[in-house]
Amino acid sequence: MSAIKKFQVTFDCADPERLALFWCEVLGYVPQPPPEGFATWEEFARSRPDGEPVGWFSCSDPSGVGSRLLFQRVPEGKVVKNRLHLCVRVGTGLVGEERLAALEAECARLVALGAVRVRLMLADEENESCMVMQDIEGNEFCLD
C-alpha cells in the first residue's frame, strides 16, 4: 500500500500575485514569504541577473493541512471551461435553507473580493445545493 502524498494545485494565470492573494482571502491561506535575505518578492526579482519579475506566486494553508496553491504566469488567456476546479466547502453538513444561507453569505463575501456568481444549483435527489462561481481571472470554482 502506498502512502498518501501531499500535492500542489497549479493555476495558469495572467497576474500570479493578484490571483494568489485573492485565493488567500477565499481560503484563509497565507502567501509564501520571499526567499531569505529579501523583504519582498519585488526586491528578490530586482536581484536576479535578468531583472525579470517573478513569474509565479504561491500560498499555503498556515496549519499545513491543505494543499499549496501555485499561480504561474502564462502568455495566453483562459479560453474554455476549466477541466478541473476547486470546491470550497462552506456548507458541509448543512441542508435545505440553512445550506442555502451559508452559500449565499459566502458568495456575497467573495463577490466583494471580485469573484463572479455564475449560478446556483439547487439540491436534487442526489446532490445538495452548490454555487458555481468564477475567480478574478474567470476560473470556475464551486461553493458547496
Protein backbone atom coordinates (compact mmCIF):
# COMPACT_ATOMS: atom_id res chain seq x y z
CA MET A 1 0.00 0.00 0.00
CA SER A 2 1.41 3.41 -0.92
CA ALA A 3 1.47 6.35 1.47
CA ILE A 4 -0.81 9.32 0.97
CA LYS A 5 1.11 12.09 -0.74
CA LYS A 6 0.74 15.84 -0.48
CA PHE A 7 0.04 17.67 -3.72
CA GLN A 8 0.03 21.19 -5.07
CA VAL A 9 -2.62 22.73 -7.31
CA THR A 10 -1.15 24.93 -10.05
CA PHE A 11 -3.08 27.67 -11.85
CA ASP A 12 -2.00 29.21 -15.15
CA CYS A 13 -2.84 32.91 -14.98
CA ALA A 14 -2.06 36.47 -16.09
CA ASP A 15 -1.26 38.00 -12.69
CA PRO A 16 0.09 35.41 -10.23
CA GLU A 17 0.37 37.66 -7.18
CA ARG A 18 -3.10 39.18 -7.56
CA LEU A 19 -4.75 35.79 -8.07
CA ALA A 20 -2.81 34.19 -5.20
CA LEU A 21 -3.84 36.99 -2.83
CA PHE A 22 -7.48 36.53 -3.91
CA TRP A 23 -7.29 32.81 -3.05
CA CYS A 24 -5.57 33.63 0.26
CA GLU A 25 -8.69 35.61 1.18
CA VAL A 26 -11.04 32.87 -0.04
CA LEU A 27 -9.33 30.05 1.84
CA GLY A 28 -7.61 31.75 4.78
CA TYR A 29 -4.23 30.85 3.26
CA VAL A 30 -1.03 32.88 3.57
CA PRO A 31 1.39 33.96 0.83
CA GLN A 32 4.73 32.21 0.64
CA PRO A 33 7.34 34.54 2.13
CA PRO A 34 10.15 35.79 -0.13
CA PRO A 35 13.48 33.96 -0.05
CA GLU A 36 15.68 34.53 2.98
CA GLY A 37 17.51 37.84 2.82
CA PHE A 38 14.75 39.62 0.88
CA ALA A 39 11.98 41.74 2.39
CA THR A 40 9.68 41.40 -0.64
CA TRP A 41 9.33 39.38 -3.84
CA GLU A 42 9.96 42.61 -5.78
CA GLU A 43 13.31 43.01 -4.04
CA PHE A 44 14.12 39.40 -4.89
CA ALA A 45 13.18 39.96 -8.57
CA ARG A 46 15.44 43.04 -8.78
CA SER A 47 18.34 40.93 -7.51
CA ARG A 48 18.02 38.43 -10.34
CA PRO A 49 20.53 38.78 -13.21
CA ASP A 50 17.76 39.31 -15.79
CA GLY A 51 15.80 41.67 -13.50
CA GLU A 52 12.60 39.99 -14.67
CA PRO A 53 9.64 39.88 -12.29
CA VAL A 54 9.00 36.57 -10.61
CA GLY A 55 6.66 34.61 -12.88
CA TRP A 56 4.88 32.80 -10.08
CA PHE A 57 3.40 33.30 -6.63
CA SER A 58 2.24 30.72 -4.13
CA CYS A 59 0.22 30.42 -0.97
CA SER A 60 -0.43 27.74 1.58
CA ASP A 61 -2.59 26.69 4.47
CA PRO A 62 -1.00 28.12 7.62
CA SER A 63 -1.96 24.95 9.51
CA GLY A 64 -0.08 22.82 6.98
CA VAL A 65 -3.11 20.61 6.29
CA GLY A 66 -4.37 21.98 2.95
CA SER A 67 -2.57 21.77 -0.37
CA ARG A 68 -0.22 24.50 -1.55
CA LEU A 69 -1.51 26.62 -4.44
CA LEU A 70 0.90 27.85 -7.11
CA PHE A 71 -0.01 30.53 -9.63
CA GLN A 72 2.22 30.78 -12.70
CA ARG A 73 2.18 33.47 -15.36
CA VAL A 74 1.43 32.27 -18.88
CA PRO A 75 1.14 34.38 -22.03
CA GLU A 76 -2.22 33.08 -23.21
CA GLY A 77 -5.56 33.89 -21.57
CA LYS A 78 -8.24 31.48 -20.42
CA VAL A 79 -10.30 30.34 -23.40
CA VAL A 80 -12.54 27.45 -22.36
CA LYS A 81 -14.14 25.96 -19.25
CA ASN A 82 -11.75 24.52 -16.68
CA ARG A 83 -11.27 20.74 -16.78
CA LEU A 84 -10.55 20.87 -13.05
CA HIS A 85 -11.95 23.22 -10.42
CA LEU A 86 -11.80 23.76 -6.69
CA CYS A 87 -14.84 23.21 -4.49
CA VAL A 88 -14.77 25.45 -1.43
CA ARG A 89 -16.61 23.56 1.31
CA VAL A 90 -18.78 26.09 3.15
CA GLY A 91 -21.97 24.07 3.62
CA THR A 92 -20.64 20.75 4.86
CA GLY A 93 -23.30 19.05 6.98
CA LEU A 94 -25.93 21.70 6.19
CA VAL A 95 -29.10 21.03 4.21
CA GLY A 96 -32.05 22.99 2.87
CA GLU A 97 -32.43 26.65 3.77
CA GLU A 98 -29.53 26.56 6.23
CA ARG A 99 -27.18 25.38 3.46
CA LEU A 100 -28.53 27.95 1.01
CA ALA A 101 -27.97 30.72 3.56
CA ALA A 102 -24.34 29.61 4.08
CA LEU A 103 -23.74 29.53 0.32
CA GLU A 104 -25.31 32.97 -0.18
CA ALA A 105 -23.32 34.51 2.67
CA GLU A 106 -20.01 33.18 1.35
CA CYS A 107 -20.96 34.17 -2.20
CA ALA A 108 -21.57 37.76 -1.05
CA ARG A 109 -18.19 37.84 0.71
CA LEU A 110 -16.38 36.54 -2.38
CA VAL A 111 -18.22 38.84 -4.80
CA ALA A 112 -16.94 41.75 -2.67
CA LEU A 113 -13.40 40.40 -3.33
CA GLY A 114 -14.00 40.37 -7.10
CA ALA A 115 -15.45 36.89 -7.70
CA VAL A 116 -18.43 36.45 -10.02
CA ARG A 117 -21.55 34.48 -9.19
CA VAL A 118 -22.42 32.23 -12.14
CA ARG A 119 -25.38 30.15 -10.96
CA LEU A 120 -26.99 28.44 -8.01
CA MET A 121 -27.59 24.73 -8.48
CA LEU A 122 -30.40 23.64 -6.19
CA ALA A 123 -30.47 20.29 -4.43
CA ASP A 124 -31.89 17.29 -6.25
CA GLU A 125 -32.29 13.60 -5.40
CA GLU A 126 -28.51 13.01 -5.47
CA ASN A 127 -26.75 16.28 -4.62
CA GLU A 128 -27.02 19.13 -2.14
CA SER A 129 -27.18 22.70 -3.38
CA CYS A 130 -23.99 24.36 -4.58
CA MET A 131 -22.97 27.65 -6.16
CA VAL A 132 -20.87 27.95 -9.32
CA MET A 133 -18.59 31.00 -9.30
CA GLN A 134 -15.57 32.45 -11.11
CA ASP A 135 -12.44 33.89 -9.54
CA ILE A 136 -10.95 37.23 -10.59
CA GLU A 137 -9.41 35.70 -13.74
CA GLY A 138 -12.51 33.76 -14.77
CA ASN A 139 -11.55 30.33 -13.39
CA GLU A 140 -14.61 28.38 -12.30
CA PHE A 141 -14.96 27.11 -8.75
CA CYS A 142 -17.84 25.94 -6.59
CA LEU A 143 -19.12 26.74 -3.17
CA ASP A 144 -20.59 23.57 -1.74
